[in-house]
Amino acid sequence: MTLLELLDYASVFVFALTGALVASRAQLDIVGFAFVAALTATGGGTVRDVVLDRNPVFWIAAPSFVGVAVAAAVVVFFTAHLFESRLKLLTWLDALALAVAVPAGTGVAMTLGHSFAIVLLMGVATGCLGGLMRDVVCNEVPLVLKQGELYVTAALAGAAAALSAAGTLGQGPALLLCAAVVFTLRAGSLLFGWRLPVYKSRPPRR
């Protein structure tokens, strides 16, 4: 198994766990769990592959990705009640999933020889869009849009780090660096309150 395949499988599994946890908060049935888990797990990678005209899409080429997502959903369906704070678990699993998915998307775009800007965008899209779909479908406030938190910024910085390091370190170590940068920034935002400044408007004039 190549590093890119391993990253895709890890991303699918961890993002599926987060989707199933959101389904548990919404009190869905087991089919709902599987649907939300699969949507979350494959959403970002699907957008990446469609935009890059990568045919077939990764989970159609290897349906085992969907099997991994459904298996994760079943595990969470029977164990979610054991966790005192599912929101806290969800937040940290989502941070881990982001740190795996961004290098997966970045690596695919790099392998296909796309430009700097496209590689950055595909890294961000792969990392962020599945979780965004999950939260919108389940009527949750999207984690990607939490006020001032480093989320898209973490994804962007990780993809940029991979691109900057690939020429000297090689693609594999550069993608591992990407994962480290993404998780460090996201964890710092959660633990230490690292934030970007947010827009504060003045009261409108009459």
Protein backbone atom coordinates (compact mmCIF):
# COMPACT_ATOMS: atom_id res chain seq x y z
CA MET A 1 0.00 0.00 0.00
CA THR A 2 1.39 3.43 -0.97
CA LEU A 3 1.55 6.38 1.41
CA LEU A 4 -1.26 8.14 -0.50
CA GLU A 5 -3.51 5.08 -0.22
CA LEU A 6 -2.72 4.80 3.49
CA LEU A 7 -3.56 8.48 4.00
CA ASP A 8 -6.85 8.08 2.11
CA TYR A 9 -7.85 5.04 4.20
CA ALA A 10 -6.90 6.78 7.45
CA SER A 11 -8.81 9.90 6.41
CA VAL A 12 -11.91 7.87 5.51
CA PHE A 13 -11.84 5.96 8.79
CA VAL A 14 -11.35 8.92 11.12
CA PHE A 15 -13.75 11.22 9.27
CA ALA A 16 -16.33 8.39 9.31
CA LEU A 17 -15.97 8.24 13.11
CA THR A 18 -16.72 11.95 13.32
CA GLY A 19 -19.73 11.58 11.03
CA ALA A 20 -21.11 8.78 13.16
CA LEU A 21 -20.58 10.83 16.33
CA VAL A 22 -22.58 13.69 14.83
CA ALA A 23 -25.26 11.15 13.89
CA SER A 24 -25.33 10.00 17.52
CA ARG A 25 -25.86 13.59 18.66
CA ALA A 26 -28.76 13.80 16.19
CA GLN A 27 -30.10 10.43 17.48
CA LEU A 28 -30.31 8.82 14.05
CA ASP A 29 -30.84 5.11 13.34
CA ILE A 30 -28.03 2.84 12.18
CA VAL A 31 -28.73 3.55 8.49
CA GLY A 32 -28.51 7.25 9.25
CA PHE A 33 -25.20 6.60 11.00
CA ALA A 34 -23.84 4.81 7.94
CA PHE A 35 -25.06 7.51 5.56
CA VAL A 36 -23.58 10.42 7.52
CA ALA A 37 -20.35 8.54 8.14
CA ALA A 38 -19.91 7.68 4.45
CA LEU A 39 -20.81 11.21 3.36
CA THR A 40 -18.28 12.71 5.76
CA ALA A 41 -15.58 10.18 4.91
CA THR A 42 -15.80 10.46 1.13
CA GLY A 43 -17.13 13.99 0.57
CA GLY A 44 -13.86 15.91 0.42
CA GLY A 45 -12.04 13.26 -1.60
CA THR A 46 -14.93 13.02 -4.05
CA VAL A 47 -14.89 16.76 -4.71
CA ARG A 48 -11.10 16.57 -5.13
CA ASP A 49 -11.28 13.74 -7.67
CA VAL A 50 -14.15 15.26 -9.65
CA VAL A 51 -12.48 18.67 -9.87
CA LEU A 52 -9.15 17.10 -10.87
CA ASP A 53 -10.90 14.80 -13.39
CA ARG A 54 -9.40 11.81 -11.63
CA ASN A 55 -11.32 8.88 -13.06
CA PRO A 56 -12.67 6.82 -11.41
CA VAL A 57 -13.30 8.58 -8.10
CA PHE A 58 -11.24 6.92 -5.35
CA TRP A 59 -14.09 5.08 -3.60
CA ILE A 60 -15.48 3.80 -6.91
CA ALA A 61 -12.06 2.47 -7.84
CA ALA A 62 -11.84 0.79 -4.41
CA PRO A 63 -15.29 0.26 -2.80
CA SER A 64 -13.51 -0.95 0.34
CA PHE A 65 -13.33 2.74 1.32
CA VAL A 66 -17.11 2.71 1.76
CA GLY A 67 -16.84 -0.52 3.74
CA VAL A 68 -14.35 1.14 6.11
CA ALA A 69 -16.74 4.08 6.60
CA VAL A 70 -19.72 1.81 7.31
CA ALA A 71 -17.67 -0.29 9.73
CA ALA A 72 -16.69 2.87 11.62
CA ALA A 73 -20.35 3.89 11.78
CA VAL A 74 -21.37 0.52 13.25
CA VAL A 75 -18.64 0.74 15.90
CA VAL A 76 -19.76 4.21 16.96
CA PHE A 77 -23.44 3.19 16.95
CA PHE A 78 -22.74 0.64 19.68
CA THR A 79 -20.13 2.60 21.67
CA ALA A 80 -21.01 6.31 21.48
CA HIS A 81 -22.98 6.14 24.73
CA LEU A 82 -19.78 5.26 26.62
CA PHE A 83 -18.30 8.74 26.13
CA GLU A 84 -19.22 11.45 28.58
CA SER A 85 -18.53 14.29 26.15
CA ARG A 86 -19.15 13.31 22.55
CA LEU A 87 -18.63 16.90 21.41
CA LYS A 88 -15.10 16.99 22.84
CA LEU A 89 -14.29 13.61 21.28
CA LEU A 90 -15.76 14.78 17.97
CA THR A 91 -13.67 17.95 17.99
CA TRP A 92 -10.39 16.11 18.53
CA LEU A 93 -11.16 13.32 16.09
CA ASP A 94 -12.04 15.98 13.53
CA ALA A 95 -8.66 17.64 14.15
CA LEU A 96 -6.94 14.30 13.56
CA ALA A 97 -9.00 13.65 10.43
CA LEU A 98 -8.10 17.08 9.07
CA ALA A 99 -4.41 16.36 9.69
CA VAL A 100 -4.68 13.16 7.63
CA ALA A 101 -6.99 14.35 4.86
CA VAL A 102 -5.09 17.50 3.95
CA PRO A 103 -1.85 15.63 3.07
CA ALA A 104 -3.93 13.04 1.21
CA GLY A 105 -5.48 15.71 -1.02
CA THR A 106 -2.23 17.60 -1.34
CA GLY A 107 -0.35 14.45 -2.33
CA VAL A 108 -2.85 13.48 -5.03
CA ALA A 109 -2.70 16.92 -6.63
CA MET A 110 1.11 16.95 -6.43
CA THR A 111 1.33 13.51 -8.04
CA LEU A 112 -0.86 14.68 -10.92
CA GLY A 113 1.55 17.58 -11.51
CA HIS A 114 -0.80 20.47 -10.78
CA SER A 115 0.28 24.02 -10.05
CA PHE A 116 1.02 25.45 -6.59
CA ALA A 117 -2.41 27.09 -6.27
CA ILE A 118 -4.33 23.98 -7.31
CA VAL A 119 -2.38 21.78 -4.89
CA LEU A 120 -3.20 24.19 -2.05
CA LEU A 121 -6.88 24.26 -2.95
CA MET A 122 -7.14 20.49 -3.25
CA GLY A 123 -5.47 20.01 0.11
CA VAL A 124 -7.97 22.38 1.71
CA ALA A 125 -10.95 20.90 -0.14
CA THR A 126 -10.09 17.32 0.80
CA GLY A 127 -9.64 18.27 4.43
CA CYS A 128 -12.59 20.59 4.90
CA LEU A 129 -15.51 19.71 2.65
CA GLY A 130 -16.48 16.32 4.12
CA GLY A 131 -16.82 17.78 7.60
CA LEU A 132 -18.73 20.75 6.22
CA MET A 133 -21.20 18.41 4.48
CA ARG A 134 -21.59 16.41 7.72
CA ASP A 135 -22.43 19.46 9.81
CA VAL A 136 -24.79 21.01 7.27
CA VAL A 137 -26.74 17.75 6.77
CA CYS A 138 -27.05 17.24 10.53
CA ASN A 139 -27.91 20.89 11.24
CA GLU A 140 -24.79 21.48 13.35
CA VAL A 141 -22.73 24.67 13.44
CA PRO A 142 -19.90 23.76 11.00
CA LEU A 143 -16.59 23.29 12.80
CA VAL A 144 -14.89 24.75 9.76
CA LEU A 145 -16.68 28.07 10.38
CA LYS A 146 -16.28 28.37 14.17
CA GLN A 147 -15.52 32.02 14.90
CA GLY A 148 -11.84 32.76 14.45
CA GLU A 149 -10.64 29.17 15.02
CA LEU A 150 -7.75 27.88 12.92
CA TYR A 151 -9.31 25.31 10.59
CA VAL A 152 -9.06 26.28 6.94
CA THR A 153 -5.94 28.25 7.91
CA ALA A 154 -4.40 25.10 9.38
CA ALA A 155 -5.21 23.16 6.21
CA LEU A 156 -3.77 25.90 4.01
CA ALA A 157 -0.59 26.14 6.08
CA GLY A 158 -0.10 22.37 6.01
CA ALA A 159 -0.50 22.16 2.24
CA ALA A 160 1.90 25.08 1.80
CA ALA A 161 4.45 23.39 4.07
CA ALA A 162 4.27 20.22 1.98
CA LEU A 163 4.80 22.14 -1.24
CA SER A 164 7.70 24.07 0.22
CA ALA A 165 9.43 20.95 1.55
CA ALA A 166 8.76 18.51 -1.29
CA GLY A 167 11.72 19.67 -3.36
CA THR A 168 14.26 19.02 -0.61
CA LEU A 169 12.68 16.28 1.53
CA GLY A 170 10.78 14.34 -1.13
CA GLN A 171 7.02 13.86 -1.30
CA GLY A 172 6.63 11.33 1.52
CA PRO A 173 8.38 13.31 4.29
CA ALA A 174 6.77 16.51 2.98
CA LEU A 175 3.30 15.01 3.43
CA LEU A 176 4.17 13.91 6.97
CA LEU A 177 5.31 17.47 7.66
CA CYS A 178 1.99 18.66 6.27
CA ALA A 179 0.11 16.44 8.73
CA ALA A 180 2.22 17.72 11.64
CA VAL A 181 1.65 21.38 10.74
CA VAL A 182 -2.10 20.91 10.34
CA PHE A 183 -2.54 19.08 13.64
CA THR A 184 -0.27 21.48 15.56
CA LEU A 185 -2.18 24.54 14.40
CA ARG A 186 -5.59 22.98 14.93
CA ALA A 187 -4.64 21.65 18.36
CA GLY A 188 -3.18 25.01 19.32
CA SER A 189 -6.44 26.67 18.38
CA LEU A 190 -8.39 24.22 20.55
CA LEU A 191 -6.03 24.15 23.54
CA PHE A 192 -4.55 27.63 23.64
CA GLY A 193 -7.14 29.70 21.83
CA TRP A 194 -5.01 30.53 18.79
CA ARG A 195 -7.28 32.63 16.62
CA LEU A 196 -7.41 34.86 13.59
CA PRO A 197 -8.92 38.32 14.09
CA VAL A 198 -12.64 38.35 13.29
CA TYR A 199 -14.65 41.07 11.62
CA LYS A 200 -16.42 43.40 14.02
CA SER A 201 -18.80 45.77 12.33
CA ARG A 202 -19.93 49.14 13.58
CA PRO A 203 -23.63 49.78 14.15
CA PRO A 204 -25.21 50.74 10.82
CA ARG A 205 -25.96 54.38 10.19
CA ARG A 206 -29.54 55.37 9.66
